[in-house]
Every structure is written in structure tokens, then in C-alpha cells.
Amino acid sequence: MIAIITILILLTCVVLGFFVLVQNPKGGGLSGTFGSISSQVMGVKQSTDVMEKGTWASMGIIAGLCILSIMFASKPQVDNAANGKAPATKSAPAKGAANTPK
């Protein structure tokens, strides 16, 4: 089940990347902010509603799938040495008379 969720997360990331790359640029980025004075103080160009809703929906789906993947993740093996318990020792096989050299 975790493999299916991982594949869905990856596909949704590709869709999110598509929505982000298709949108029109809003401004000059850091160079536009610090390099020159813009006519718009705090305003940005409004992207289309479909693109904006698609971006938010994709981010929400990715977040939901990540939270869902935690529910299906397997629990790690518990190490007895880490819990303060003495590790189980293996006893050596008993040496009989057949194993002694003559």
C-alpha cells in the first residue's frame, strides 16, 4: 500500500510542478524587489482561478497523502540493546568426547 501512495505523491508533485510552471510570472523576483522601484507596492498580477485552485488543491493532496502514508508505514524493529535489556546470548554447543583429540 505504501508503494501506491508513494506513486500517487510523485504524480501529484508532477501536476503541482505543471501548475507552477504554467502560471505567468508575477514580477522580477529578488532583482525586481531590490533593484528597481516598482509601480505596484504590494500588488501582484492575479493568476487565473483554475491555476490558483489547482496549485492549492495539489498541495493539499500531497499533504494528505504524506499524512496517510504515515498510517501505513511499518513499525521499526525494536533493538533489545537500545532498550537496556541484555542481549540474548547464544550458548556454545557442548563439547563431547567425540570432539577431543587423541
C-alpha atoms as a PDB file:
ATOM      1  CA  MET A   1       0.000   0.000   0.000  1.00  0.00           C
ATOM      2  CA  ILE A   2       2.872   2.355   0.762  1.00  0.00           C
ATOM      3  CA  ALA A   3       4.169   1.910  -2.807  1.00  0.00           C
ATOM      4  CA  ILE A   4       0.827   3.035  -4.262  1.00  0.00           C
ATOM      5  CA  ILE A   5       0.754   6.094  -2.001  1.00  0.00           C
ATOM      6  CA  THR A   6       4.344   6.954  -2.950  1.00  0.00           C
ATOM      7  CA  ILE A   7       3.486   6.754  -6.648  1.00  0.00           C
ATOM      8  CA  LEU A   8       0.445   8.988  -6.097  1.00  0.00           C
ATOM      9  CA  ILE A   9       2.615  11.524  -4.245  1.00  0.00           C
ATOM     10  CA  LEU A  10       5.112  11.591  -7.119  1.00  0.00           C
ATOM     11  CA  LEU A  11       2.378  12.023  -9.739  1.00  0.00           C
ATOM     12  CA  THR A  12       0.796  14.832  -7.729  1.00  0.00           C
ATOM     13  CA  CYS A  13       4.201  16.529  -7.463  1.00  0.00           C
ATOM     14  CA  VAL A  14       4.464  16.471 -11.254  1.00  0.00           C
ATOM     15  CA  VAL A  15       0.980  18.003 -11.537  1.00  0.00           C
ATOM     16  CA  LEU A  16       1.941  20.682  -8.986  1.00  0.00           C
ATOM     17  CA  GLY A  17       5.077  21.469 -10.971  1.00  0.00           C
ATOM     18  CA  PHE A  18       2.938  21.824 -14.094  1.00  0.00           C
ATOM     19  CA  PHE A  19       0.601  24.294 -12.377  1.00  0.00           C
ATOM     20  CA  VAL A  20       3.515  26.344 -11.068  1.00  0.00           C
ATOM     21  CA  LEU A  21       5.372  26.458 -14.384  1.00  0.00           C
ATOM     22  CA  VAL A  22       2.293  27.328 -16.472  1.00  0.00           C
ATOM     23  CA  GLN A  23       1.398  30.407 -14.413  1.00  0.00           C
ATOM     24  CA  ASN A  24       2.520  33.820 -15.590  1.00  0.00           C
ATOM     25  CA  PRO A  25       5.415  35.292 -13.655  1.00  0.00           C
ATOM     26  CA  LYS A  26       4.285  37.789 -11.034  1.00  0.00           C
ATOM     27  CA  GLY A  27       7.293  40.089 -11.064  1.00  0.00           C
ATOM     28  CA  GLY A  28      11.030  40.340 -11.128  1.00  0.00           C
ATOM     29  CA  GLY A  29      11.694  38.254  -8.051  1.00  0.00           C
ATOM     30  CA  LEU A  30      14.530  39.455  -5.841  1.00  0.00           C
ATOM     31  CA  SER A  31      16.089  41.555  -8.569  1.00  0.00           C
ATOM     32  CA  GLY A  32      12.794  43.362  -9.173  1.00  0.00           C
ATOM     33  CA  THR A  33      12.194  43.896  -5.491  1.00  0.00           C
ATOM     34  CA  PHE A  34      15.580  45.310  -4.544  1.00  0.00           C
ATOM     35  CA  GLY A  35      16.960  46.500  -7.877  1.00  0.00           C
ATOM     36  CA  SER A  36      14.320  48.955  -9.015  1.00  0.00           C
ATOM     37  CA  ILE A  37      11.275  50.733  -7.735  1.00  0.00           C
ATOM     38  CA  SER A  38       8.089  49.158  -8.992  1.00  0.00           C
ATOM     39  CA  SER A  39       4.816  50.925  -9.652  1.00  0.00           C
ATOM     40  CA  GLN A  40       2.958  48.279  -7.663  1.00  0.00           C
ATOM     41  CA  VAL A  41       3.762  48.451  -3.983  1.00  0.00           C
ATOM     42  CA  MET A  42       2.094  45.317  -2.647  1.00  0.00           C
ATOM     43  CA  GLY A  43       0.035  44.168  -5.616  1.00  0.00           C
ATOM     44  CA  VAL A  44       0.687  41.244  -7.899  1.00  0.00           C
ATOM     45  CA  LYS A  45      -0.948  40.147 -11.091  1.00  0.00           C
ATOM     46  CA  GLN A  46      -3.831  37.800 -10.377  1.00  0.00           C
ATOM     47  CA  SER A  47      -3.417  34.406 -11.985  1.00  0.00           C
ATOM     48  CA  THR A  48      -6.400  32.568 -13.327  1.00  0.00           C
ATOM     49  CA  ASP A  49      -8.622  30.938 -10.770  1.00  0.00           C
ATOM     50  CA  VAL A  50      -8.151  27.481 -12.276  1.00  0.00           C
ATOM     51  CA  MET A  51      -4.378  27.667 -11.938  1.00  0.00           C
ATOM     52  CA  GLU A  52      -4.506  29.002  -8.401  1.00  0.00           C
ATOM     53  CA  LYS A  53      -7.088  26.454  -7.269  1.00  0.00           C
ATOM     54  CA  GLY A  54      -5.129  23.680  -8.974  1.00  0.00           C
ATOM     55  CA  THR A  55      -1.960  24.713  -7.155  1.00  0.00           C
ATOM     56  CA  TRP A  56      -3.662  24.774  -3.764  1.00  0.00           C
ATOM     57  CA  ALA A  57      -5.505  21.513  -4.429  1.00  0.00           C
ATOM     58  CA  SER A  58      -2.270  19.790  -5.480  1.00  0.00           C
ATOM     59  CA  MET A  59      -0.505  20.984  -2.338  1.00  0.00           C
ATOM     60  CA  GLY A  60      -3.412  19.788  -0.204  1.00  0.00           C
ATOM     61  CA  ILE A  61      -3.437  16.374  -1.873  1.00  0.00           C
ATOM     62  CA  ILE A  62       0.311  15.982  -1.356  1.00  0.00           C
ATOM     63  CA  ALA A  63      -0.026  16.912   2.314  1.00  0.00           C
ATOM     64  CA  GLY A  64      -2.929  14.497   2.778  1.00  0.00           C
ATOM     65  CA  LEU A  65      -1.096  11.649   1.056  1.00  0.00           C
ATOM     66  CA  CYS A  66       2.006  12.251   3.180  1.00  0.00           C
ATOM     67  CA  ILE A  67      -0.069  12.068   6.350  1.00  0.00           C
ATOM     68  CA  LEU A  68      -1.837   8.962   5.018  1.00  0.00           C
ATOM     69  CA  SER A  69       1.480   7.292   4.240  1.00  0.00           C
ATOM     70  CA  ILE A  70       2.474   7.504   7.907  1.00  0.00           C
ATOM     71  CA  MET A  71      -0.531   5.378   8.817  1.00  0.00           C
ATOM     72  CA  PHE A  72       0.616   2.571   6.515  1.00  0.00           C
ATOM     73  CA  ALA A  73       4.330   2.740   7.349  1.00  0.00           C
ATOM     74  CA  SER A  74       5.684  -0.324   9.122  1.00  0.00           C
ATOM     75  CA  LYS A  75       6.969  -0.016  12.633  1.00  0.00           C
ATOM     76  CA  PRO A  76      10.737  -0.395  13.044  1.00  0.00           C
ATOM     77  CA  GLN A  77      12.219  -3.442  14.735  1.00  0.00           C
ATOM     78  CA  VAL A  78      12.968  -2.924  18.416  1.00  0.00           C
ATOM     79  CA  ASP A  79      16.577  -3.486  19.387  1.00  0.00           C
ATOM     80  CA  ASN A  80      16.913  -5.069  22.829  1.00  0.00           C
ATOM     81  CA  ALA A  81      20.285  -3.417  23.448  1.00  0.00           C
ATOM     82  CA  ALA A  82      18.768   0.024  22.900  1.00  0.00           C
ATOM     83  CA  ASN A  83      16.047  -0.679  25.472  1.00  0.00           C
ATOM     84  CA  GLY A  84      18.534  -1.530  28.191  1.00  0.00           C
ATOM     85  CA  LYS A  85      17.812  -5.240  28.100  1.00  0.00           C
ATOM     86  CA  ALA A  86      20.665  -7.679  27.961  1.00  0.00           C
ATOM     87  CA  PRO A  87      21.058  -9.166  24.503  1.00  0.00           C
ATOM     88  CA  ALA A  88      20.265 -12.823  24.183  1.00  0.00           C
ATOM     89  CA  THR A  89      23.482 -14.830  24.237  1.00  0.00           C
ATOM     90  CA  LYS A  90      23.883 -17.930  22.202  1.00  0.00           C
ATOM     91  CA  SER A  91      25.288 -20.851  24.099  1.00  0.00           C
ATOM     92  CA  ALA A  92      28.153 -22.731  22.551  1.00  0.00           C
ATOM     93  CA  PRO A  93      27.454 -26.338  21.640  1.00  0.00           C
ATOM     94  CA  ALA A  94      28.522 -28.805  24.265  1.00  0.00           C
ATOM     95  CA  LYS A  95      31.833 -30.451  23.526  1.00  0.00           C
ATOM     96  CA  GLY A  96      31.530 -34.174  23.780  1.00  0.00           C
ATOM     97  CA  ALA A  97      34.131 -36.957  23.919  1.00  0.00           C
ATOM     98  CA  ALA A  98      33.951 -37.304  20.137  1.00  0.00           C
ATOM     99  CA  ASN A  99      35.425 -33.819  19.646  1.00  0.00           C
ATOM    100  CA  THR A 100      38.502 -34.286  21.865  1.00  0.00           C
ATOM    101  CA  PRO A 101      41.810 -35.042  20.068  1.00  0.00           C
ATOM    102  CA  LYS A 102      43.588 -38.311  20.915  1.00  0.00           C
END
